[in-house]
Amino acid sequence: FTGAIRTNELGVKTLMVNSGLPLGGTCVNVGCVPSKTLIYFAEILNKVRNHNLPFLETEIRNFDFRRAINEEKK
C-alpha cells in the first residue's frame, strides 16, 4: 500500500494484484487497521471512566463489542 500511495503521489498509475485474500491482506482486514480501531474505542472508554474531573459524573451503561466490531468493518 505504501508503494501504491507513493507512486500515485508521483503521478504513476498503480495496479495491485491480490490472489486468495481480500484486498489489503491481513493487516488491513484483520490485523493492524482493525486493532488500531479497537484500541481507539478502548482509549475512549478509559477516558470516560478515568477523566478525573470532579465536577463531571459519567456512566457507561453498555459497550456493545459485537457492534463495535461491525462498525469497524464499515
Protein backbone atom coordinates (compact mmCIF):
# COMPACT_ATOMS: atom_id res chain seq x y z
CA PHE A 1 0.00 0.00 0.00
CA THR A 2 2.78 2.42 0.83
CA GLY A 3 4.34 1.91 -2.57
CA ALA A 4 0.99 2.35 -4.33
CA ILE A 5 0.27 5.53 -2.41
CA ARG A 6 3.72 6.96 -3.16
CA THR A 7 3.58 6.13 -6.86
CA ASN A 8 0.14 7.73 -7.04
CA GLU A 9 1.59 10.87 -5.45
CA LEU A 10 4.21 10.87 -8.19
CA GLY A 11 1.50 10.58 -10.85
CA VAL A 12 2.17 6.96 -11.76
CA LYS A 13 -0.73 4.55 -12.29
CA THR A 14 -0.63 1.58 -9.95
CA LEU A 15 -2.18 -1.87 -10.20
CA MET A 16 -2.48 -4.11 -7.16
CA VAL A 17 -2.90 -7.84 -7.72
CA ASN A 18 -4.05 -9.89 -4.76
CA SER A 19 -4.82 -13.58 -5.04
CA GLY A 20 -6.73 -15.57 -2.46
CA LEU A 21 -7.19 -12.92 0.22
CA PRO A 22 -9.44 -9.88 0.44
CA LEU A 23 -7.66 -6.85 -0.98
CA GLY A 24 -5.31 -5.49 1.63
CA GLY A 25 -4.41 -8.78 3.23
CA THR A 26 -4.10 -9.48 6.91
CA CYS A 27 -3.01 -6.02 8.06
CA VAL A 28 -5.95 -4.19 6.51
CA ASN A 29 -8.63 -6.79 7.17
CA VAL A 30 -7.85 -8.46 10.49
CA GLY A 31 -4.56 -7.12 11.81
CA CYS A 32 -3.17 -3.61 12.17
CA VAL A 33 -6.08 -1.48 10.99
CA PRO A 34 -8.88 -3.24 12.94
CA SER A 35 -6.64 -3.43 16.00
CA LYS A 36 -5.99 0.32 15.91
CA THR A 37 -9.73 0.97 15.70
CA LEU A 38 -10.43 -1.24 18.71
CA ILE A 39 -7.57 0.39 20.64
CA TYR A 40 -9.18 3.77 19.86
CA PHE A 41 -12.51 2.51 21.28
CA ALA A 42 -10.68 1.33 24.41
CA GLU A 43 -8.98 4.73 24.80
CA ILE A 44 -12.36 6.47 24.69
CA LEU A 45 -13.80 4.11 27.31
CA ASN A 46 -10.75 4.64 29.51
CA LYS A 47 -11.00 8.43 29.26
CA VAL A 48 -14.69 8.38 30.17
CA ARG A 49 -14.09 6.09 33.15
CA ASN A 50 -10.95 7.85 34.41
CA HIS A 51 -11.32 11.50 33.44
CA ASN A 52 -10.50 12.88 36.94
CA LEU A 53 -12.90 15.80 36.59
CA PRO A 54 -14.65 16.11 39.97
CA PHE A 55 -17.46 18.23 38.50
CA LEU A 56 -18.37 15.68 35.80
CA GLU A 57 -20.19 12.43 36.52
CA THR A 58 -20.17 9.84 33.76
CA GLU A 59 -21.57 6.35 33.42
CA ILE A 60 -21.05 3.77 30.71
CA ARG A 61 -24.15 1.62 30.71
CA ASN A 62 -23.23 -0.60 27.80
CA PHE A 63 -20.40 -1.31 25.44
CA ASP A 64 -21.59 -3.49 22.58
CA PHE A 65 -18.37 -5.15 21.49
CA ARG A 66 -20.03 -7.01 18.61
CA ARG A 67 -21.46 -3.74 17.25
CA ALA A 68 -18.07 -2.04 17.64
CA ILE A 69 -16.51 -4.80 15.52
CA ASN A 70 -19.23 -4.41 12.88
CA GLU A 71 -18.83 -0.62 12.83
CA GLU A 72 -15.08 -1.02 12.39
CA LYS A 73 -15.67 -3.12 9.26
CA LYS A 74 -17.67 -0.37 7.51
